[in-house]
Amino acid sequence: MVKLAQIENKLLEQFEKKYPEFKQGDIIKIYYKIREKDKERIHPVEGVVIKIQGALHRKSFTLRRIAFGEAYEVTFPYYSPNIDKIEVIKPSKRKARRKRIYYIRKRIGKKAFIA
């Protein structure tokens, strides 16, 4: 178990990305690199963080976004090389009492944001 932890710490040093701290309920904006044939562009995605899971280099988070009246969720690996940067747009004022705030799926409009 100790060897596994040493290997994981080396992997973390290799990735070494510094993102701002965010938690469940925060509204964040992710600039994600998309490769289309020979071109590469950066696509911004803004939404509410509903889930953070994993640890060390296996960490990931799920973002819920509403676009044109349709809601969708996207899961991003935290240390993905395709993430250019992350901005915290609006931190949540209230503390989320759960680790995964799936109850936001049932809410519509401004009620969907706990901030």
PDB file of N, CA and C in Angstrom:
ATOM      1  N   MET A   1       0.819  -1.199   0.000  1.00  0.00           N
ATOM      2  CA  MET A   1       0.000   0.000   0.000  1.00  0.00           C
ATOM      3  C   MET A   1       0.861   1.260   0.000  1.00  0.00           C
ATOM      4  N   VAL A   2       1.984   1.206   0.668  1.00  0.00           N
ATOM      5  CA  VAL A   2       2.865   2.366   0.732  1.00  0.00           C
ATOM      6  C   VAL A   2       3.468   2.643  -0.646  1.00  0.00           C
ATOM      7  N   LYS A   3       3.826   1.592  -1.377  1.00  0.00           N
ATOM      8  CA  LYS A   3       4.393   1.779  -2.712  1.00  0.00           C
ATOM      9  C   LYS A   3       3.378   2.410  -3.656  1.00  0.00           C
ATOM     10  N   LEU A   4       2.121   1.981  -3.536  1.00  0.00           N
ATOM     11  CA  LEU A   4       1.066   2.545  -4.364  1.00  0.00           C
ATOM     12  C   LEU A   4       0.897   4.039  -4.091  1.00  0.00           C
ATOM     13  N   ALA A   5       0.952   4.434  -2.837  1.00  0.00           N
ATOM     14  CA  ALA A   5       0.831   5.847  -2.476  1.00  0.00           C
ATOM     15  C   ALA A   5       2.015   6.650  -3.029  1.00  0.00           C
ATOM     16  N   GLN A   6       3.202   6.074  -3.012  1.00  0.00           N
ATOM     17  CA  GLN A   6       4.377   6.766  -3.554  1.00  0.00           C
ATOM     18  C   GLN A   6       4.235   6.985  -5.059  1.00  0.00           C
ATOM     19  N   ILE A   7       3.740   5.971  -5.755  1.00  0.00           N
ATOM     20  CA  ILE A   7       3.544   6.080  -7.204  1.00  0.00           C
ATOM     21  C   ILE A   7       2.495   7.141  -7.514  1.00  0.00           C
ATOM     22  N   GLU A   8       1.409   7.155  -6.741  1.00  0.00           N
ATOM     23  CA  GLU A   8       0.352   8.141  -6.971  1.00  0.00           C
ATOM     24  C   GLU A   8       0.857   9.560  -6.707  1.00  0.00           C
ATOM     25  N   ASN A   9       1.685   9.745  -5.709  1.00  0.00           N
ATOM     26  CA  ASN A   9       2.247  11.069  -5.433  1.00  0.00           C
ATOM     27  C   ASN A   9       3.161  11.534  -6.565  1.00  0.00           C
ATOM     28  N   LYS A  10       3.909  10.608  -7.167  1.00  0.00           N
ATOM     29  CA  LYS A  10       4.739  10.956  -8.321  1.00  0.00           C
ATOM     30  C   LYS A  10       3.874  11.377  -9.502  1.00  0.00           C
ATOM     31  N   LEU A  11       2.741  10.679  -9.694  1.00  0.00           N
ATOM     32  CA  LEU A  11       1.822  11.043 -10.767  1.00  0.00           C
ATOM     33  C   LEU A  11       1.248  12.442 -10.555  1.00  0.00           C
ATOM     34  N   LEU A  12       0.908  12.763  -9.311  1.00  0.00           N
ATOM     35  CA  LEU A  12       0.376  14.091  -9.015  1.00  0.00           C
ATOM     36  C   LEU A  12       1.399  15.184  -9.309  1.00  0.00           C
ATOM     37  N   GLU A  13       2.658  14.923  -8.989  1.00  0.00           N
ATOM     38  CA  GLU A  13       3.706  15.899  -9.276  1.00  0.00           C
ATOM     39  C   GLU A  13       3.863  16.084 -10.775  1.00  0.00           C
ATOM     40  N   GLN A  14       3.646  15.015 -11.528  1.00  0.00           N
ATOM     41  CA  GLN A  14       3.768  15.075 -12.983  1.00  0.00           C
ATOM     42  C   GLN A  14       2.677  15.970 -13.579  1.00  0.00           C
ATOM     43  N   PHE A  15       1.430  15.851 -13.086  1.00  0.00           N
ATOM     44  CA  PHE A  15       0.327  16.649 -13.620  1.00  0.00           C
ATOM     45  C   PHE A  15       0.462  18.106 -13.179  1.00  0.00           C
ATOM     46  N   GLU A  16       0.577  18.326 -11.908  1.00  0.00           N
ATOM     47  CA  GLU A  16       0.820  19.624 -11.288  1.00  0.00           C
ATOM     48  C   GLU A  16       0.052  20.775 -11.940  1.00  0.00           C
ATOM     49  N   LYS A  17      -1.266  20.690 -11.882  1.00  0.00           N
ATOM     50  CA  LYS A  17      -2.119  21.776 -12.348  1.00  0.00           C
ATOM     51  C   LYS A  17      -2.670  22.499 -11.136  1.00  0.00           C
ATOM     52  N   LYS A  18      -2.654  23.795 -11.184  1.00  0.00           N
ATOM     53  CA  LYS A  18      -3.151  24.607 -10.081  1.00  0.00           C
ATOM     54  C   LYS A  18      -4.488  25.224 -10.480  1.00  0.00           C
ATOM     55  N   TYR A  19      -5.564  24.648  -9.979  1.00  0.00           N
ATOM     56  CA  TYR A  19      -6.896  25.181 -10.207  1.00  0.00           C
ATOM     57  C   TYR A  19      -7.395  25.829  -8.931  1.00  0.00           C
ATOM     58  N   PRO A  20      -8.327  26.780  -9.048  1.00  0.00           N
ATOM     59  CA  PRO A  20      -8.905  27.346  -7.821  1.00  0.00           C
ATOM     60  C   PRO A  20      -9.734  26.296  -7.104  1.00  0.00           C
ATOM     61  N   GLU A  21      -9.862  26.422  -5.808  1.00  0.00           N
ATOM     62  CA  GLU A  21     -10.657  25.463  -5.045  1.00  0.00           C
ATOM     63  C   GLU A  21     -12.129  25.719  -5.297  1.00  0.00           C
ATOM     64  N   PHE A  22     -12.873  24.651  -5.538  1.00  0.00           N
ATOM     65  CA  PHE A  22     -14.313  24.741  -5.689  1.00  0.00           C
ATOM     66  C   PHE A  22     -14.952  23.540  -5.026  1.00  0.00           C
ATOM     67  N   LYS A  23     -16.256  23.672  -4.734  1.00  0.00           N
ATOM     68  CA  LYS A  23     -16.962  22.595  -4.045  1.00  0.00           C
ATOM     69  C   LYS A  23     -18.332  22.419  -4.680  1.00  0.00           C
ATOM     70  N   GLN A  24     -19.107  21.486  -4.174  1.00  0.00           N
ATOM     71  CA  GLN A  24     -20.433  21.232  -4.694  1.00  0.00           C
ATOM     72  C   GLN A  24     -21.290  22.479  -4.526  1.00  0.00           C
ATOM     73  N   GLY A  25     -22.041  22.824  -5.555  1.00  0.00           N
ATOM     74  CA  GLY A  25     -22.909  23.984  -5.505  1.00  0.00           C
ATOM     75  C   GLY A  25     -22.303  25.234  -6.110  1.00  0.00           C
ATOM     76  N   ASP A  26     -21.002  25.257  -6.329  1.00  0.00           N
ATOM     77  CA  ASP A  26     -20.360  26.419  -6.941  1.00  0.00           C
ATOM     78  C   ASP A  26     -20.664  26.460  -8.434  1.00  0.00           C
ATOM     79  N   ILE A  27     -20.760  27.675  -8.962  1.00  0.00           N
ATOM     80  CA  ILE A  27     -20.906  27.848 -10.403  1.00  0.00           C
ATOM     81  C   ILE A  27     -19.510  28.113 -10.950  1.00  0.00           C
ATOM     82  N   ILE A  28     -19.057  27.241 -11.851  1.00  0.00           N
ATOM     83  CA  ILE A  28     -17.707  27.383 -12.401  1.00  0.00           C
ATOM     84  C   ILE A  28     -17.753  27.426 -13.922  1.00  0.00           C
ATOM     85  N   LYS A  29     -16.686  27.915 -14.493  1.00  0.00           N
ATOM     86  CA  LYS A  29     -16.535  27.967 -15.943  1.00  0.00           C
ATOM     87  C   LYS A  29     -15.254  27.237 -16.302  1.00  0.00           C
ATOM     88  N   ILE A  30     -15.379  26.267 -17.203  1.00  0.00           N
ATOM     89  CA  ILE A  30     -14.240  25.453 -17.621  1.00  0.00           C
ATOM     90  C   ILE A  30     -13.928  25.772 -19.074  1.00  0.00           C
ATOM     91  N   TYR A  31     -12.673  26.009 -19.358  1.00  0.00           N
ATOM     92  CA  TYR A  31     -12.234  26.203 -20.733  1.00  0.00           C
ATOM     93  C   TYR A  31     -11.624  24.884 -21.191  1.00  0.00           C
ATOM     94  N   TYR A  32     -12.343  24.191 -22.083  1.00  0.00           N
ATOM     95  CA  TYR A  32     -12.001  22.826 -22.488  1.00  0.00           C
ATOM     96  C   TYR A  32     -11.500  22.831 -23.932  1.00  0.00           C
ATOM     97  N   LYS A  33     -10.380  22.186 -24.173  1.00  0.00           N
ATOM     98  CA  LYS A  33      -9.802  22.120 -25.519  1.00  0.00           C
ATOM     99  C   LYS A  33     -10.521  21.048 -26.331  1.00  0.00           C
ATOM    100  N   ILE A  34     -10.932  21.423 -27.526  1.00  0.00           N
ATOM    101  CA  ILE A  34     -11.585  20.478 -28.433  1.00  0.00           C
ATOM    102  C   ILE A  34     -10.779  20.427 -29.718  1.00  0.00           C
ATOM    103  N   ARG A  35     -10.461  19.220 -30.156  1.00  0.00           N
ATOM    104  CA  ARG A  35      -9.678  19.024 -31.370  1.00  0.00           C
ATOM    105  C   ARG A  35     -10.615  18.568 -32.483  1.00  0.00           C
ATOM    106  N   GLU A  36     -10.635  19.342 -33.568  1.00  0.00           N
ATOM    107  CA  GLU A  36     -11.454  19.014 -34.737  1.00  0.00           C
ATOM    108  C   GLU A  36     -10.522  18.886 -35.936  1.00  0.00           C
ATOM    109  N   LYS A  37     -10.305  17.668 -36.352  1.00  0.00           N
ATOM    110  CA  LYS A  37      -9.363  17.341 -37.418  1.00  0.00           C
ATOM    111  C   LYS A  37      -7.992  17.925 -37.121  1.00  0.00           C
ATOM    112  N   ASP A  38      -7.577  18.970 -37.837  1.00  0.00           N
ATOM    113  CA  ASP A  38      -6.248  19.526 -37.595  1.00  0.00           C
ATOM    114  C   ASP A  38      -6.293  20.809 -36.770  1.00  0.00           C
ATOM    115  N   LYS A  39      -7.486  21.278 -36.426  1.00  0.00           N
ATOM    116  CA  LYS A  39      -7.622  22.502 -35.636  1.00  0.00           C
ATOM    117  C   LYS A  39      -7.910  22.191 -34.177  1.00  0.00           C
ATOM    118  N   GLU A  40      -7.566  23.119 -33.318  1.00  0.00           N
ATOM    119  CA  GLU A  40      -7.863  22.984 -31.895  1.00  0.00           C
ATOM    120  C   GLU A  40      -8.455  24.301 -31.414  1.00  0.00           C
ATOM    121  N   ARG A  41      -9.564  24.215 -30.684  1.00  0.00           N
ATOM    122  CA  ARG A  41     -10.190  25.422 -30.162  1.00  0.00           C
ATOM    123  C   ARG A  41     -10.536  25.210 -28.695  1.00  0.00           C
ATOM    124  N   ILE A  42     -10.820  26.293 -27.997  1.00  0.00           N
ATOM    125  CA  ILE A  42     -11.172  26.215 -26.587  1.00  0.00           C
ATOM    126  C   ILE A  42     -12.654  26.524 -26.446  1.00  0.00           C
ATOM    127  N   HIS A  43     -13.377  25.611 -25.831  1.00  0.00           N
ATOM    128  CA  HIS A  43     -14.819  25.722 -25.652  1.00  0.00           C
ATOM    129  C   HIS A  43     -15.129  25.963 -24.181  1.00  0.00           C
ATOM    130  N   PRO A  44     -15.744  27.107 -23.829  1.00  0.00           N
ATOM    131  CA  PRO A  44     -16.090  27.350 -22.428  1.00  0.00           C
ATOM    132  C   PRO A  44     -17.390  26.648 -22.048  1.00  0.00           C
ATOM    133  N   VAL A  45     -17.418  26.028 -20.886  1.00  0.00           N
ATOM    134  CA  VAL A  45     -18.607  25.365 -20.356  1.00  0.00           C
ATOM    135  C   VAL A  45     -18.832  25.910 -18.950  1.00  0.00           C
ATOM    136  N   GLU A  46     -20.032  26.441 -18.706  1.00  0.00           N
ATOM    137  CA  GLU A  46     -20.345  27.016 -17.410  1.00  0.00           C
ATOM    138  C   GLU A  46     -21.528  26.279 -16.808  1.00  0.00           C
ATOM    139  N   GLY A  47     -21.429  25.939 -15.527  1.00  0.00           N
ATOM    140  CA  GLY A  47     -22.520  25.241 -14.867  1.00  0.00           C
ATOM    141  C   GLY A  47     -22.261  25.052 -13.384  1.00  0.00           C
ATOM    142  N   VAL A  48     -23.161  24.294 -12.763  1.00  0.00           N
ATOM    143  CA  VAL A  48     -23.099  24.037 -11.327  1.00  0.00           C
ATOM    144  C   VAL A  48     -22.402  22.700 -11.091  1.00  0.00           C
ATOM    145  N   VAL A  49     -21.493  22.676 -10.139  1.00  0.00           N
ATOM    146  CA  VAL A  49     -20.822  21.433  -9.759  1.00  0.00           C
ATOM    147  C   VAL A  49     -21.792  20.642  -8.886  1.00  0.00           C
ATOM    148  N   ILE A  50     -22.178  19.440  -9.337  1.00  0.00           N
ATOM    149  CA  ILE A  50     -23.098  18.648  -8.528  1.00  0.00           C
ATOM    150  C   ILE A  50     -22.411  17.469  -7.851  1.00  0.00           C
ATOM    151  N   LYS A  51     -21.208  17.134  -8.306  1.00  0.00           N
ATOM    152  CA  LYS A  51     -20.541  15.981  -7.702  1.00  0.00           C
ATOM    153  C   LYS A  51     -19.042  16.109  -7.874  1.00  0.00           C
ATOM    154  N   ILE A  52     -18.307  15.811  -6.797  1.00  0.00           N
ATOM    155  CA  ILE A  52     -16.852  15.668  -6.849  1.00  0.00           C
ATOM    156  C   ILE A  52     -16.543  14.300  -6.272  1.00  0.00           C
ATOM    157  N   GLN A  53     -15.786  13.514  -7.017  1.00  0.00           N
ATOM    158  CA  GLN A  53     -15.512  12.160  -6.542  1.00  0.00           C
ATOM    159  C   GLN A  53     -14.063  11.788  -6.809  1.00  0.00           C
ATOM    160  N   GLY A  54     -13.608  10.743  -6.141  1.00  0.00           N
ATOM    161  CA  GLY A  54     -12.264  10.240  -6.326  1.00  0.00           C
ATOM    162  C   GLY A  54     -11.251  10.992  -5.490  1.00  0.00           C
ATOM    163  N   ALA A  55     -10.011  10.574  -5.618  1.00  0.00           N
ATOM    164  CA  ALA A  55      -8.925  11.196  -4.878  1.00  0.00           C
ATOM    165  C   ALA A  55      -7.650  11.107  -5.710  1.00  0.00           C
ATOM    166  N   LEU A  56      -6.702  11.955  -5.366  1.00  0.00           N
ATOM    167  CA  LEU A  56      -5.398  11.999  -6.015  1.00  0.00           C
ATOM    168  C   LEU A  56      -5.551  12.139  -7.525  1.00  0.00           C
ATOM    169  N   HIS A  57      -4.925  11.297  -8.307  1.00  0.00           N
ATOM    170  CA  HIS A  57      -4.968  11.454  -9.759  1.00  0.00           C
ATOM    171  C   HIS A  57      -6.251  10.902 -10.380  1.00  0.00           C
ATOM    172  N   ARG A  58      -7.108  10.256  -9.591  1.00  0.00           N
ATOM    173  CA  ARG A  58      -8.368   9.714 -10.095  1.00  0.00           C
ATOM    174  C   ARG A  58      -9.543  10.657  -9.867  1.00  0.00           C
ATOM    175  N   LYS A  59      -9.273  11.854  -9.413  1.00  0.00           N
ATOM    176  CA  LYS A  59     -10.321  12.809  -9.047  1.00  0.00           C
ATOM    177  C   LYS A  59     -11.075  13.300 -10.285  1.00  0.00           C
ATOM    178  N   SER A  60     -12.405  13.419 -10.154  1.00  0.00           N
ATOM    179  CA  SER A  60     -13.223  13.955 -11.233  1.00  0.00           C
ATOM    180  C   SER A  60     -14.402  14.710 -10.646  1.00  0.00           C
ATOM    181  N   PHE A  61     -15.044  15.507 -11.476  1.00  0.00           N
ATOM    182  CA  PHE A  61     -16.204  16.265 -11.024  1.00  0.00           C
ATOM    183  C   PHE A  61     -17.226  16.325 -12.141  1.00  0.00           C
ATOM    184  N   THR A  62     -18.496  16.488 -11.751  1.00  0.00           N
ATOM    185  CA  THR A  62     -19.597  16.533 -12.702  1.00  0.00           C
ATOM    186  C   THR A  62     -20.207  17.920 -12.684  1.00  0.00           C
ATOM    187  N   LEU A  63     -20.420  18.451 -13.870  1.00  0.00           N
ATOM    188  CA  LEU A  63     -20.962  19.786 -14.047  1.00  0.00           C
ATOM    189  C   LEU A  63     -22.342  19.672 -14.693  1.00  0.00           C
ATOM    190  N   ARG A  64     -23.310  20.408 -14.165  1.00  0.00           N
ATOM    191  CA  ARG A  64     -24.660  20.424 -14.738  1.00  0.00           C
ATOM    192  C   ARG A  64     -24.879  21.773 -15.393  1.00  0.00           C
ATOM    193  N   ARG A  65     -25.286  21.714 -16.649  1.00  0.00           N
ATOM    194  CA  ARG A  65     -25.455  22.936 -17.425  1.00  0.00           C
ATOM    195  C   ARG A  65     -26.819  22.917 -18.092  1.00  0.00           C
ATOM    196  N   ILE A  66     -27.456  24.079 -18.152  1.00  0.00           N
ATOM    197  CA  ILE A  66     -28.728  24.203 -18.851  1.00  0.00           C
ATOM    198  C   ILE A  66     -28.494  25.088 -20.068  1.00  0.00           C
ATOM    199  N   ALA A  67     -28.718  24.535 -21.258  1.00  0.00           N
ATOM    200  CA  ALA A  67     -28.516  25.272 -22.494  1.00  0.00           C
ATOM    201  C   ALA A  67     -29.755  25.116 -23.369  1.00  0.00           C
ATOM    202  N   PHE A  68     -30.348  26.242 -23.754  1.00  0.00           N
ATOM    203  CA  PHE A  68     -31.531  26.264 -24.609  1.00  0.00           C
ATOM    204  C   PHE A  68     -32.667  25.438 -24.029  1.00  0.00           C
ATOM    205  N   GLY A  69     -32.826  25.483 -22.703  1.00  0.00           N
ATOM    206  CA  GLY A  69     -33.926  24.792 -22.041  1.00  0.00           C
ATOM    207  C   GLY A  69     -33.669  23.324 -21.753  1.00  0.00           C
ATOM    208  N   GLU A  70     -32.590  22.782 -22.237  1.00  0.00           N
ATOM    209  CA  GLU A  70     -32.240  21.381 -22.002  1.00  0.00           C
ATOM    210  C   GLU A  70     -31.062  21.308 -21.049  1.00  0.00           C
ATOM    211  N   ALA A  71     -31.178  20.461 -20.054  1.00  0.00           N
ATOM    212  CA  ALA A  71     -30.101  20.296 -19.087  1.00  0.00           C
ATOM    213  C   ALA A  71     -29.260  19.078 -19.460  1.00  0.00           C
ATOM    214  N   TYR A  72     -27.966  19.202 -19.278  1.00  0.00           N
ATOM    215  CA  TYR A  72     -27.095  18.045 -19.467  1.00  0.00           C
ATOM    216  C   TYR A  72     -25.957  18.118 -18.466  1.00  0.00           C
ATOM    217  N   GLU A  73     -25.396  16.948 -18.207  1.00  0.00           N
ATOM    218  CA  GLU A  73     -24.313  16.839 -17.239  1.00  0.00           C
ATOM    219  C   GLU A  73     -23.069  16.303 -17.939  1.00  0.00           C
ATOM    220  N   VAL A  74     -21.949  16.896 -17.578  1.00  0.00           N
ATOM    221  CA  VAL A  74     -20.676  16.500 -18.154  1.00  0.00           C
ATOM    222  C   VAL A  74     -19.723  16.184 -17.017  1.00  0.00           C
ATOM    223  N   THR A  75     -19.031  15.051 -17.116  1.00  0.00           N
ATOM    224  CA  THR A  75     -18.038  14.666 -16.116  1.00  0.00           C
ATOM    225  C   THR A  75     -16.648  14.917 -16.678  1.00  0.00           C
ATOM    226  N   PHE A  76     -15.850  15.643 -15.922  1.00  0.00           N
ATOM    227  CA  PHE A  76     -14.488  15.970 -16.326  1.00  0.00           C
ATOM    228  C   PHE A  76     -13.493  15.346 -15.370  1.00  0.00           C
ATOM    229  N   PRO A  77     -12.432  14.717 -15.875  1.00  0.00           N
ATOM    230  CA  PRO A  77     -11.330  14.323 -14.987  1.00  0.00           C
ATOM    231  C   PRO A  77     -10.608  15.585 -14.524  1.00  0.00           C
ATOM    232  N   TYR A  78     -10.296  15.665 -13.257  1.00  0.00           N
ATOM    233  CA  TYR A  78      -9.704  16.867 -12.680  1.00  0.00           C
ATOM    234  C   TYR A  78      -8.350  17.192 -13.309  1.00  0.00           C
ATOM    235  N   TYR A  79      -7.558  16.199 -13.594  1.00  0.00           N
ATOM    236  CA  TYR A  79      -6.215  16.407 -14.137  1.00  0.00           C
ATOM    237  C   TYR A  79      -6.155  16.114 -15.635  1.00  0.00           C
ATOM    238  N   SER A  80      -7.211  16.404 -16.355  1.00  0.00           N
ATOM    239  CA  SER A  80      -7.246  16.178 -17.791  1.00  0.00           C
ATOM    240  C   SER A  80      -6.326  17.163 -18.511  1.00  0.00           C
ATOM    241  N   PRO A  81      -5.564  16.707 -19.487  1.00  0.00           N
ATOM    242  CA  PRO A  81      -4.727  17.641 -20.248  1.00  0.00           C
ATOM    243  C   PRO A  81      -5.557  18.543 -21.162  1.00  0.00           C
ATOM    244  N   ASN A  82      -6.834  18.210 -21.363  1.00  0.00           N
ATOM    245  CA  ASN A  82      -7.694  19.019 -22.222  1.00  0.00           C
ATOM    246  C   ASN A  82      -8.311  20.215 -21.503  1.00  0.00           C
ATOM    247  N   ILE A  83      -8.230  20.278 -20.187  1.00  0.00           N
ATOM    248  CA  ILE A  83      -8.747  21.425 -19.454  1.00  0.00           C
ATOM    249  C   ILE A  83      -7.688  22.515 -19.463  1.00  0.00           C
ATOM    250  N   ASP A  84      -8.036  23.649 -20.071  1.00  0.00           N
ATOM    251  CA  ASP A  84      -7.095  24.760 -20.153  1.00  0.00           C
ATOM    252  C   ASP A  84      -7.059  25.527 -18.840  1.00  0.00           C
ATOM    253  N   LYS A  85      -8.242  25.950 -18.349  1.00  0.00           N
ATOM    254  CA  LYS A  85      -8.290  26.617 -17.056  1.00  0.00           C
ATOM    255  C   LYS A  85      -9.700  26.518 -16.490  1.00  0.00           C
ATOM    256  N   ILE A  86      -9.811  26.784 -15.188  1.00  0.00           N
ATOM    257  CA  ILE A  86     -11.087  26.750 -14.479  1.00  0.00           C
ATOM    258  C   ILE A  86     -11.235  28.068 -13.721  1.00  0.00           C
ATOM    259  N   GLU A  87     -12.428  28.674 -13.836  1.00  0.00           N
ATOM    260  CA  GLU A  87     -12.727  29.899 -13.096  1.00  0.00           C
ATOM    261  C   GLU A  87     -13.939  29.653 -12.214  1.00  0.00           C
ATOM    262  N   VAL A  88     -13.886  30.131 -10.984  1.00  0.00           N
ATOM    263  CA  VAL A  88     -15.052  30.070 -10.105  1.00  0.00           C
ATOM    264  C   VAL A  88     -15.841  31.352 -10.348  1.00  0.00           C
ATOM    265  N   ILE A  89     -17.030  31.211 -10.937  1.00  0.00           N
ATOM    266  CA  ILE A  89     -17.867  32.361 -11.251  1.00  0.00           C
ATOM    267  C   ILE A  89     -18.594  32.847 -10.001  1.00  0.00           C
ATOM    268  N   LYS A  90     -19.247  31.911  -9.298  1.00  0.00           N
ATOM    269  CA  LYS A  90     -20.022  32.284  -8.118  1.00  0.00           C
ATOM    270  C   LYS A  90     -19.929  31.162  -7.089  1.00  0.00           C
ATOM    271  N   PRO A  91     -19.234  31.381  -5.989  1.00  0.00           N
ATOM    272  CA  PRO A  91     -19.202  30.347  -4.945  1.00  0.00           C
ATOM    273  C   PRO A  91     -20.560  30.258  -4.253  1.00  0.00           C
ATOM    274  N   SER A  92     -20.915  29.072  -3.814  1.00  0.00           N
ATOM    275  CA  SER A  92     -22.204  28.903  -3.143  1.00  0.00           C
ATOM    276  C   SER A  92     -22.143  29.534  -1.759  1.00  0.00           C
ATOM    277  N   LYS A  93     -23.206  30.244  -1.403  1.00  0.00           N
ATOM    278  CA  LYS A  93     -23.255  30.906  -0.104  1.00  0.00           C
ATOM    279  C   LYS A  93     -23.534  29.907   1.003  1.00  0.00           C
ATOM    280  N   ARG A  94     -24.404  28.955   0.684  1.00  0.00           N
ATOM    281  CA  ARG A  94     -24.749  27.945   1.677  1.00  0.00           C
ATOM    282  C   ARG A  94     -23.903  26.704   1.484  1.00  0.00           C
ATOM    283  N   LYS A  95     -23.628  26.025   2.559  1.00  0.00           N
ATOM    284  CA  LYS A  95     -22.858  24.781   2.497  1.00  0.00           C
ATOM    285  C   LYS A  95     -23.777  23.647   2.066  1.00  0.00           C
ATOM    286  N   ALA A  96     -23.351  22.887   1.070  1.00  0.00           N
ATOM    287  CA  ALA A  96     -24.119  21.729   0.639  1.00  0.00           C
ATOM    288  C   ALA A  96     -23.972  20.653   1.705  1.00  0.00           C
ATOM    289  N   ARG A  97     -25.089  20.127   2.167  1.00  0.00           N
ATOM    290  CA  ARG A  97     -25.041  19.133   3.239  1.00  0.00           C
ATOM    291  C   ARG A  97     -24.753  17.732   2.724  1.00  0.00           C
ATOM    292  N   ARG A  98     -24.804  17.589   1.425  1.00  0.00           N
ATOM    293  CA  ARG A  98     -24.537  16.280   0.835  1.00  0.00           C
ATOM    294  C   ARG A  98     -23.318  16.366  -0.073  1.00  0.00           C
ATOM    295  N   LYS A  99     -22.720  15.222  -0.294  1.00  0.00           N
ATOM    296  CA  LYS A  99     -21.557  15.186  -1.165  1.00  0.00           C
ATOM    297  C   LYS A  99     -21.976  15.278  -2.630  1.00  0.00           C
ATOM    298  N   ARG A 100     -23.134  14.734  -2.941  1.00  0.00           N
ATOM    299  CA  ARG A 100     -23.647  14.753  -4.308  1.00  0.00           C
ATOM    300  C   ARG A 100     -25.030  15.380  -4.297  1.00  0.00           C
ATOM    301  N   ILE A 101     -25.159  16.507  -4.920  1.00  0.00           N
ATOM    302  CA  ILE A 101     -26.411  17.250  -4.831  1.00  0.00           C
ATOM    303  C   ILE A 101     -27.288  16.980  -6.058  1.00  0.00           C
ATOM    304  N   TYR A 102     -27.759  15.747  -6.137  1.00  0.00           N
ATOM    305  CA  TYR A 102     -28.593  15.332  -7.259  1.00  0.00           C
ATOM    306  C   TYR A 102     -29.980  15.959  -7.214  1.00  0.00           C
ATOM    307  N   TYR A 103     -30.394  16.505  -6.066  1.00  0.00           N
ATOM    308  CA  TYR A 103     -31.719  17.082  -5.969  1.00  0.00           C
ATOM    309  C   TYR A 103     -31.860  18.322  -6.850  1.00  0.00           C
ATOM    310  N   ILE A 104     -30.766  18.855  -7.342  1.00  0.00           N
ATOM    311  CA  ILE A 104     -30.826  20.006  -8.246  1.00  0.00           C
ATOM    312  C   ILE A 104     -31.457  19.601  -9.575  1.00  0.00           C
ATOM    313  N   ARG A 105     -31.395  18.341  -9.934  1.00  0.00           N
ATOM    314  CA  ARG A 105     -31.981  17.874 -11.195  1.00  0.00           C
ATOM    315  C   ARG A 105     -33.481  18.144 -11.269  1.00  0.00           C
ATOM    316  N   LYS A 106     -34.153  18.130 -10.128  1.00  0.00           N
ATOM    317  CA  LYS A 106     -35.607  18.319 -10.104  1.00  0.00           C
ATOM    318  C   LYS A 106     -36.000  19.790 -10.141  1.00  0.00           C
ATOM    319  N   ARG A 107     -35.055  20.686  -9.907  1.00  0.00           N
ATOM    320  CA  ARG A 107     -35.360  22.104  -9.834  1.00  0.00           C
ATOM    321  C   ARG A 107     -35.203  22.771 -11.200  1.00  0.00           C
ATOM    322  N   ILE A 108     -35.962  23.855 -11.368  1.00  0.00           N
ATOM    323  CA  ILE A 108     -35.971  24.559 -12.646  1.00  0.00           C
ATOM    324  C   ILE A 108     -35.668  26.038 -12.403  1.00  0.00           C
ATOM    325  N   GLY A 109     -34.944  26.661 -13.311  1.00  0.00           N
ATOM    326  CA  GLY A 109     -34.680  28.090 -13.251  1.00  0.00           C
ATOM    327  C   GLY A 109     -33.724  28.490 -12.146  1.00  0.00           C
ATOM    328  N   LYS A 110     -34.033  29.589 -11.465  1.00  0.00           N
ATOM    329  CA  LYS A 110     -33.150  30.097 -10.428  1.00  0.00           C
ATOM    330  C   LYS A 110     -33.089  29.150  -9.236  1.00  0.00           C
ATOM    331  N   LYS A 111     -34.114  28.369  -9.030  1.00  0.00           N
ATOM    332  CA  LYS A 111     -34.144  27.436  -7.898  1.00  0.00           C
ATOM    333  C   LYS A 111     -33.101  26.334  -8.065  1.00  0.00           C
ATOM    334  N   ALA A 112     -32.629  26.131  -9.290  1.00  0.00           N
ATOM    335  CA  ALA A 112     -31.635  25.089  -9.553  1.00  0.00           C
ATOM    336  C   ALA A 112     -30.271  25.441  -8.996  1.00  0.00           C
ATOM    337  N   PHE A 113     -30.048  26.712  -8.686  1.00  0.00           N
ATOM    338  CA  PHE A 113     -28.771  27.151  -8.160  1.00  0.00           C
ATOM    339  C   PHE A 113     -28.903  27.385  -6.673  1.00  0.00           C
ATOM    340  N   ILE A 114     -28.066  26.732  -5.887  1.00  0.00           N
ATOM    341  CA  ILE A 114     -28.150  26.912  -4.442  1.00  0.00           C
ATOM    342  C   ILE A 114     -27.321  28.101  -3.989  1.00  0.00           C
ATOM    343  N   ALA A 115     -26.664  28.754  -4.916  1.00  0.00           N
ATOM    344  CA  ALA A 115     -25.835  29.921  -4.554  1.00  0.00           C
ATOM    345  C   ALA A 115     -26.684  31.104  -4.147  1.00  0.00           C
TER     346      ALA A 115
END
